[in-house]
Amino acid sequence: MRRSRAKNASKPGTDMNQYYAVIAFFIATCVAALLYTLLNPQESFANMPVIDESKILVHNGQGHRFTQGGNDLF
């Protein structure tokens, strides 16, 4: 048993640091994308209307399989 543990410990690639580095890189990329989106908006989120009629008209004019519109329920 000791020989097999020593043999496995000496093999390269059994170290989990490679996996941790990939996961850390992915998380850092996600955080960077989130910060970029929140800190550099094309249009201010505070001034952006919830239902933008002009964007709805543009979407409906593009020939998609579904159309958008206002909601009469709320």
PDB file of N, CA and C in Angstrom:
ATOM      1  N   MET A   1       0.813  -1.185   0.000  1.00  0.00           N
ATOM      2  CA  MET A   1       0.000   0.000   0.000  1.00  0.00           C
ATOM      3  C   MET A   1       0.855   1.247   0.000  1.00  0.00           C
ATOM      4  N   ARG A   2       1.912   1.202   0.760  1.00  0.00           N
ATOM      5  CA  ARG A   2       2.769   2.373   0.824  1.00  0.00           C
ATOM      6  C   ARG A   2       3.420   2.650  -0.516  1.00  0.00           C
ATOM      7  N   ARG A   3       3.779   1.575  -1.219  1.00  0.00           N
ATOM      8  CA  ARG A   3       4.419   1.762  -2.531  1.00  0.00           C
ATOM      9  C   ARG A   3       3.458   2.409  -3.525  1.00  0.00           C
ATOM     10  N   SER A   4       2.206   1.966  -3.513  1.00  0.00           N
ATOM     11  CA  SER A   4       1.247   2.532  -4.471  1.00  0.00           C
ATOM     12  C   SER A   4       0.962   3.996  -4.147  1.00  0.00           C
ATOM     13  N   ARG A   5       0.885   4.328  -2.863  1.00  0.00           N
ATOM     14  CA  ARG A   5       0.685   5.740  -2.493  1.00  0.00           C
ATOM     15  C   ARG A   5       1.886   6.585  -2.901  1.00  0.00           C
ATOM     16  N   ALA A   6       3.065   6.062  -2.676  1.00  0.00           N
ATOM     17  CA  ALA A   6       4.270   6.804  -3.046  1.00  0.00           C
ATOM     18  C   ALA A   6       4.369   6.946  -4.554  1.00  0.00           C
ATOM     19  N   LYS A   7       3.982   5.897  -5.274  1.00  0.00           N
ATOM     20  CA  LYS A   7       4.027   5.952  -6.731  1.00  0.00           C
ATOM     21  C   LYS A   7       3.028   6.987  -7.254  1.00  0.00           C
ATOM     22  N   ASN A   8       1.815   7.006  -6.700  1.00  0.00           N
ATOM     23  CA  ASN A   8       0.800   7.965  -7.130  1.00  0.00           C
ATOM     24  C   ASN A   8       1.167   9.391  -6.743  1.00  0.00           C
ATOM     25  N   ALA A   9       1.808   9.562  -5.613  1.00  0.00           N
ATOM     26  CA  ALA A   9       2.182  10.899  -5.160  1.00  0.00           C
ATOM     27  C   ALA A   9       3.298  11.479  -6.020  1.00  0.00           C
ATOM     28  N   SER A  10       4.118  10.621  -6.585  1.00  0.00           N
ATOM     29  CA  SER A  10       5.226  11.115  -7.386  1.00  0.00           C
ATOM     30  C   SER A  10       4.826  11.413  -8.824  1.00  0.00           C
ATOM     31  N   LYS A  11       3.639  10.974  -9.245  1.00  0.00           N
ATOM     32  CA  LYS A  11       3.190  11.218 -10.619  1.00  0.00           C
ATOM     33  C   LYS A  11       2.749  12.670 -10.783  1.00  0.00           C
ATOM     34  N   PRO A  12       3.168  13.292 -11.877  1.00  0.00           N
ATOM     35  CA  PRO A  12       2.650  14.635 -12.128  1.00  0.00           C
ATOM     36  C   PRO A  12       1.204  14.536 -12.618  1.00  0.00           C
ATOM     37  N   GLY A  13       0.413  15.550 -12.359  1.00  0.00           N
ATOM     38  CA  GLY A  13      -0.956  15.554 -12.818  1.00  0.00           C
ATOM     39  C   GLY A  13      -1.951  15.132 -11.758  1.00  0.00           C
ATOM     40  N   THR A  14      -1.488  14.608 -10.644  1.00  0.00           N
ATOM     41  CA  THR A  14      -2.420  14.249  -9.585  1.00  0.00           C
ATOM     42  C   THR A  14      -2.670  15.431  -8.663  1.00  0.00           C
ATOM     43  N   ASP A  15      -1.974  16.508  -8.897  1.00  0.00           N
ATOM     44  CA  ASP A  15      -2.118  17.707  -8.083  1.00  0.00           C
ATOM     45  C   ASP A  15      -3.402  18.424  -8.481  1.00  0.00           C
ATOM     46  N   MET A  16      -4.182  18.866  -7.530  1.00  0.00           N
ATOM     47  CA  MET A  16      -5.463  19.534  -7.804  1.00  0.00           C
ATOM     48  C   MET A  16      -5.284  21.014  -8.121  1.00  0.00           C
ATOM     49  N   ASN A  17      -4.072  21.523  -8.039  1.00  0.00           N
ATOM     50  CA  ASN A  17      -3.863  22.945  -8.283  1.00  0.00           C
ATOM     51  C   ASN A  17      -4.224  23.348  -9.704  1.00  0.00           C
ATOM     52  N   GLN A  18      -4.079  22.461 -10.657  1.00  0.00           N
ATOM     53  CA  GLN A  18      -4.463  22.770 -12.040  1.00  0.00           C
ATOM     54  C   GLN A  18      -5.963  23.022 -12.120  1.00  0.00           C
ATOM     55  N   TYR A  19      -6.738  22.204 -11.474  1.00  0.00           N
ATOM     56  CA  TYR A  19      -8.189  22.373 -11.480  1.00  0.00           C
ATOM     57  C   TYR A  19      -8.590  23.650 -10.757  1.00  0.00           C
ATOM     58  N   TYR A  20      -7.933  23.927  -9.649  1.00  0.00           N
ATOM     59  CA  TYR A  20      -8.234  25.154  -8.915  1.00  0.00           C
ATOM     60  C   TYR A  20      -7.906  26.383  -9.751  1.00  0.00           C
ATOM     61  N   ALA A  21      -6.847  26.325 -10.513  1.00  0.00           N
ATOM     62  CA  ALA A  21      -6.470  27.464 -11.356  1.00  0.00           C
ATOM     63  C   ALA A  21      -7.508  27.686 -12.452  1.00  0.00           C
ATOM     64  N   VAL A  22      -8.009  26.630 -13.044  1.00  0.00           N
ATOM     65  CA  VAL A  22      -9.026  26.770 -14.091  1.00  0.00           C
ATOM     66  C   VAL A  22     -10.314  27.336 -13.503  1.00  0.00           C
ATOM     67  N   ILE A  23     -10.713  26.840 -12.359  1.00  0.00           N
ATOM     68  CA  ILE A  23     -11.929  27.335 -11.711  1.00  0.00           C
ATOM     69  C   ILE A  23     -11.757  28.793 -11.304  1.00  0.00           C
ATOM     70  N   ALA A  24     -10.605  29.150 -10.771  1.00  0.00           N
ATOM     71  CA  ALA A  24     -10.346  30.537 -10.383  1.00  0.00           C
ATOM     72  C   ALA A  24     -10.350  31.457 -11.598  1.00  0.00           C
ATOM     73  N   PHE A  25      -9.797  31.001 -12.706  1.00  0.00           N
ATOM     74  CA  PHE A  25      -9.807  31.802 -13.934  1.00  0.00           C
ATOM     75  C   PHE A  25     -11.235  32.012 -14.429  1.00  0.00           C
ATOM     76  N   PHE A  26     -12.062  30.988 -14.379  1.00  0.00           N
ATOM     77  CA  PHE A  26     -13.454  31.101 -14.805  1.00  0.00           C
ATOM     78  C   PHE A  26     -14.215  32.091 -13.927  1.00  0.00           C
ATOM     79  N   ILE A  27     -14.040  31.991 -12.621  1.00  0.00           N
ATOM     80  CA  ILE A  27     -14.729  32.889 -11.698  1.00  0.00           C
ATOM     81  C   ILE A  27     -14.249  34.326 -11.905  1.00  0.00           C
ATOM     82  N   ALA A  28     -12.950  34.521 -12.096  1.00  0.00           N
ATOM     83  CA  ALA A  28     -12.417  35.864 -12.327  1.00  0.00           C
ATOM     84  C   ALA A  28     -12.964  36.456 -13.622  1.00  0.00           C
ATOM     85  N   THR A  29     -13.109  35.624 -14.650  1.00  0.00           N
ATOM     86  CA  THR A  29     -13.675  36.092 -15.908  1.00  0.00           C
ATOM     87  C   THR A  29     -15.129  36.504 -15.725  1.00  0.00           C
ATOM     88  N   CYS A  30     -15.894  35.729 -14.994  1.00  0.00           N
ATOM     89  CA  CYS A  30     -17.295  36.069 -14.735  1.00  0.00           C
ATOM     90  C   CYS A  30     -17.415  37.364 -13.939  1.00  0.00           C
ATOM     91  N   VAL A  31     -16.586  37.532 -12.927  1.00  0.00           N
ATOM     92  CA  VAL A  31     -16.616  38.748 -12.124  1.00  0.00           C
ATOM     93  C   VAL A  31     -16.217  39.955 -12.963  1.00  0.00           C
ATOM     94  N   ALA A  32     -15.211  39.800 -13.810  1.00  0.00           N
ATOM     95  CA  ALA A  32     -14.787  40.902 -14.673  1.00  0.00           C
ATOM     96  C   ALA A  32     -15.886  41.292 -15.652  1.00  0.00           C
ATOM     97  N   ALA A  33     -16.581  40.313 -16.222  1.00  0.00           N
ATOM     98  CA  ALA A  33     -17.680  40.614 -17.143  1.00  0.00           C
ATOM     99  C   ALA A  33     -18.822  41.308 -16.416  1.00  0.00           C
ATOM    100  N   LEU A  34     -19.118  40.869 -15.201  1.00  0.00           N
ATOM    101  CA  LEU A  34     -20.176  41.503 -14.422  1.00  0.00           C
ATOM    102  C   LEU A  34     -19.821  42.942 -14.074  1.00  0.00           C
ATOM    103  N   LEU A  35     -18.597  43.168 -13.631  1.00  0.00           N
ATOM    104  CA  LEU A  35     -18.162  44.532 -13.297  1.00  0.00           C
ATOM    105  C   LEU A  35     -18.159  45.430 -14.527  1.00  0.00           C
ATOM    106  N   TYR A  36     -17.715  44.912 -15.653  1.00  0.00           N
ATOM    107  CA  TYR A  36     -17.715  45.706 -16.879  1.00  0.00           C
ATOM    108  C   TYR A  36     -19.135  46.090 -17.281  1.00  0.00           C
ATOM    109  N   THR A  37     -20.063  45.152 -17.148  1.00  0.00           N
ATOM    110  CA  THR A  37     -21.456  45.418 -17.513  1.00  0.00           C
ATOM    111  C   THR A  37     -22.081  46.447 -16.590  1.00  0.00           C
ATOM    112  N   LEU A  38     -21.817  46.342 -15.313  1.00  0.00           N
ATOM    113  CA  LEU A  38     -22.433  47.253 -14.357  1.00  0.00           C
ATOM    114  C   LEU A  38     -21.774  48.627 -14.334  1.00  0.00           C
ATOM    115  N   LEU A  39     -20.484  48.693 -14.551  1.00  0.00           N
ATOM    116  CA  LEU A  39     -19.781  49.968 -14.440  1.00  0.00           C
ATOM    117  C   LEU A  39     -19.697  50.738 -15.753  1.00  0.00           C
ATOM    118  N   ASN A  40     -19.886  50.090 -16.898  1.00  0.00           N
ATOM    119  CA  ASN A  40     -19.799  50.759 -18.193  1.00  0.00           C
ATOM    120  C   ASN A  40     -21.047  50.487 -19.045  1.00  0.00           C
ATOM    121  N   PRO A  41     -22.224  50.862 -18.559  1.00  0.00           N
ATOM    122  CA  PRO A  41     -23.419  50.584 -19.364  1.00  0.00           C
ATOM    123  C   PRO A  41     -23.482  51.509 -20.568  1.00  0.00           C
ATOM    124  N   GLN A  42     -24.078  51.012 -21.647  1.00  0.00           N
ATOM    125  CA  GLN A  42     -24.272  51.842 -22.829  1.00  0.00           C
ATOM    126  C   GLN A  42     -25.274  52.942 -22.526  1.00  0.00           C
ATOM    127  N   GLU A  43     -26.267  52.607 -21.738  1.00  0.00           N
ATOM    128  CA  GLU A  43     -27.290  53.549 -21.316  1.00  0.00           C
ATOM    129  C   GLU A  43     -27.466  53.349 -19.818  1.00  0.00           C
ATOM    130  N   SER A  44     -27.684  54.434 -19.106  1.00  0.00           N
ATOM    131  CA  SER A  44     -27.813  54.339 -17.659  1.00  0.00           C
ATOM    132  C   SER A  44     -29.000  53.454 -17.293  1.00  0.00           C
ATOM    133  N   PHE A  45     -28.780  52.533 -16.374  1.00  0.00           N
ATOM    134  CA  PHE A  45     -29.856  51.639 -15.957  1.00  0.00           C
ATOM    135  C   PHE A  45     -30.978  52.416 -15.267  1.00  0.00           C
ATOM    136  N   ALA A  46     -30.639  53.514 -14.607  1.00  0.00           N
ATOM    137  CA  ALA A  46     -31.651  54.296 -13.905  1.00  0.00           C
ATOM    138  C   ALA A  46     -32.574  55.015 -14.890  1.00  0.00           C
ATOM    139  N   ASN A  47     -32.062  55.398 -16.051  1.00  0.00           N
ATOM    140  CA  ASN A  47     -32.858  56.124 -17.042  1.00  0.00           C
ATOM    141  C   ASN A  47     -33.501  55.204 -18.073  1.00  0.00           C
ATOM    142  N   MET A  48     -33.171  53.929 -18.044  1.00  0.00           N
ATOM    143  CA  MET A  48     -33.683  52.992 -19.030  1.00  0.00           C
ATOM    144  C   MET A  48     -35.130  52.620 -18.687  1.00  0.00           C
ATOM    145  N   PRO A  49     -36.058  52.784 -19.625  1.00  0.00           N
ATOM    146  CA  PRO A  49     -37.442  52.412 -19.329  1.00  0.00           C
ATOM    147  C   PRO A  49     -37.599  50.894 -19.234  1.00  0.00           C
ATOM    148  N   VAL A  50     -38.549  50.479 -18.424  1.00  0.00           N
ATOM    149  CA  VAL A  50     -38.780  49.054 -18.249  1.00  0.00           C
ATOM    150  C   VAL A  50     -39.358  48.465 -19.531  1.00  0.00           C
ATOM    151  N   ILE A  51     -40.338  49.134 -20.106  1.00  0.00           N
ATOM    152  CA  ILE A  51     -40.916  48.706 -21.378  1.00  0.00           C
ATOM    153  C   ILE A  51     -40.606  49.801 -22.389  1.00  0.00           C
ATOM    154  N   ASP A  52     -39.694  49.522 -23.292  1.00  0.00           N
ATOM    155  CA  ASP A  52     -39.263  50.489 -24.295  1.00  0.00           C
ATOM    156  C   ASP A  52     -39.988  50.186 -25.607  1.00  0.00           C
ATOM    157  N   GLU A  53     -40.945  51.027 -25.947  1.00  0.00           N
ATOM    158  CA  GLU A  53     -41.773  50.797 -27.133  1.00  0.00           C
ATOM    159  C   GLU A  53     -40.942  50.774 -28.411  1.00  0.00           C
ATOM    160  N   SER A  54     -39.909  51.613 -28.498  1.00  0.00           N
ATOM    161  CA  SER A  54     -39.108  51.640 -29.725  1.00  0.00           C
ATOM    162  C   SER A  54     -38.332  50.330 -29.919  1.00  0.00           C
ATOM    163  N   LYS A  55     -37.817  49.771 -28.824  1.00  0.00           N
ATOM    164  CA  LYS A  55     -37.093  48.496 -28.937  1.00  0.00           C
ATOM    165  C   LYS A  55     -38.057  47.348 -29.244  1.00  0.00           C
ATOM    166  N   ILE A  56     -39.290  47.447 -28.743  1.00  0.00           N
ATOM    167  CA  ILE A  56     -40.296  46.431 -29.063  1.00  0.00           C
ATOM    168  C   ILE A  56     -40.629  46.483 -30.545  1.00  0.00           C
ATOM    169  N   LEU A  57     -40.780  47.680 -31.091  1.00  0.00           N
ATOM    170  CA  LEU A  57     -41.088  47.820 -32.514  1.00  0.00           C
ATOM    171  C   LEU A  57     -39.945  47.297 -33.383  1.00  0.00           C
ATOM    172  N   VAL A  58     -38.718  47.562 -32.977  1.00  0.00           N
ATOM    173  CA  VAL A  58     -37.569  47.068 -33.732  1.00  0.00           C
ATOM    174  C   VAL A  58     -37.555  45.547 -33.715  1.00  0.00           C
ATOM    175  N   HIS A  59     -37.779  44.958 -32.551  1.00  0.00           N
ATOM    176  CA  HIS A  59     -37.777  43.499 -32.433  1.00  0.00           C
ATOM    177  C   HIS A  59     -38.894  42.882 -33.278  1.00  0.00           C
ATOM    178  N   ASN A  60     -40.083  43.454 -33.208  1.00  0.00           N
ATOM    179  CA  ASN A  60     -41.209  42.899 -33.954  1.00  0.00           C
ATOM    180  C   ASN A  60     -41.021  43.055 -35.461  1.00  0.00           C
ATOM    181  N   GLY A  61     -40.273  44.051 -35.882  1.00  0.00           N
ATOM    182  CA  GLY A  61     -40.027  44.263 -37.308  1.00  0.00           C
ATOM    183  C   GLY A  61     -38.944  43.378 -37.887  1.00  0.00           C
ATOM    184  N   GLN A  62     -38.237  42.650 -37.058  1.00  0.00           N
ATOM    185  CA  GLN A  62     -37.136  41.809 -37.535  1.00  0.00           C
ATOM    186  C   GLN A  62     -37.591  40.428 -37.983  1.00  0.00           C
ATOM    187  N   GLY A  63     -38.871  40.105 -37.851  1.00  0.00           N
ATOM    188  CA  GLY A  63     -39.386  38.842 -38.351  1.00  0.00           C
ATOM    189  C   GLY A  63     -39.079  37.637 -37.490  1.00  0.00           C
ATOM    190  N   HIS A  64     -38.963  37.815 -36.183  1.00  0.00           N
ATOM    191  CA  HIS A  64     -38.753  36.680 -35.286  1.00  0.00           C
ATOM    192  C   HIS A  64     -40.024  35.848 -35.191  1.00  0.00           C
ATOM    193  N   ARG A  65     -39.918  34.652 -34.647  1.00  0.00           N
ATOM    194  CA  ARG A  65     -41.068  33.753 -34.541  1.00  0.00           C
ATOM    195  C   ARG A  65     -42.063  34.200 -33.483  1.00  0.00           C
ATOM    196  N   PHE A  66     -41.691  35.111 -32.613  1.00  0.00           N
ATOM    197  CA  PHE A  66     -42.598  35.619 -31.589  1.00  0.00           C
ATOM    198  C   PHE A  66     -42.521  37.144 -31.583  1.00  0.00           C
ATOM    199  N   THR A  67     -43.568  37.759 -31.097  1.00  0.00           N
ATOM    200  CA  THR A  67     -43.600  39.218 -31.032  1.00  0.00           C
ATOM    201  C   THR A  67     -43.673  39.641 -29.571  1.00  0.00           C
ATOM    202  N   GLN A  68     -43.216  40.842 -29.327  1.00  0.00           N
ATOM    203  CA  GLN A  68     -43.242  41.401 -27.982  1.00  0.00           C
ATOM    204  C   GLN A  68     -44.329  42.463 -27.932  1.00  0.00           C
ATOM    205  N   GLY A  69     -44.795  42.738 -26.742  1.00  0.00           N
ATOM    206  CA  GLY A  69     -45.787  43.784 -26.565  1.00  0.00           C
ATOM    207  C   GLY A  69     -45.977  44.093 -25.097  1.00  0.00           C
ATOM    208  N   GLY A  70     -46.725  45.130 -24.844  1.00  0.00           N
ATOM    209  CA  GLY A  70     -47.016  45.503 -23.467  1.00  0.00           C
ATOM    210  C   GLY A  70     -47.902  44.449 -22.805  1.00  0.00           C
ATOM    211  N   ASN A  71     -47.920  44.448 -21.492  1.00  0.00           N
ATOM    212  CA  ASN A  71     -48.699  43.494 -20.736  1.00  0.00           C
ATOM    213  C   ASN A  71     -49.883  44.238 -20.114  1.00  0.00           C
ATOM    214  N   ASP A  72     -51.099  43.865 -20.488  1.00  0.00           N
ATOM    215  CA  ASP A  72     -52.287  44.524 -19.962  1.00  0.00           C
ATOM    216  C   ASP A  72     -52.659  44.034 -18.576  1.00  0.00           C
ATOM    217  N   LEU A  73     -52.086  42.909 -18.144  1.00  0.00           N
ATOM    218  CA  LEU A  73     -52.422  42.342 -16.858  1.00  0.00           C
ATOM    219  C   LEU A  73     -51.938  43.224 -15.704  1.00  0.00           C
ATOM    220  N   PHE A  74     -50.776  43.796 -15.859  1.00  0.00           N
ATOM    221  CA  PHE A  74     -50.211  44.624 -14.784  1.00  0.00           C
ATOM    222  C   PHE A  74     -50.460  46.058 -15.096  1.00  0.00           C
TER     223      PHE A  74
END
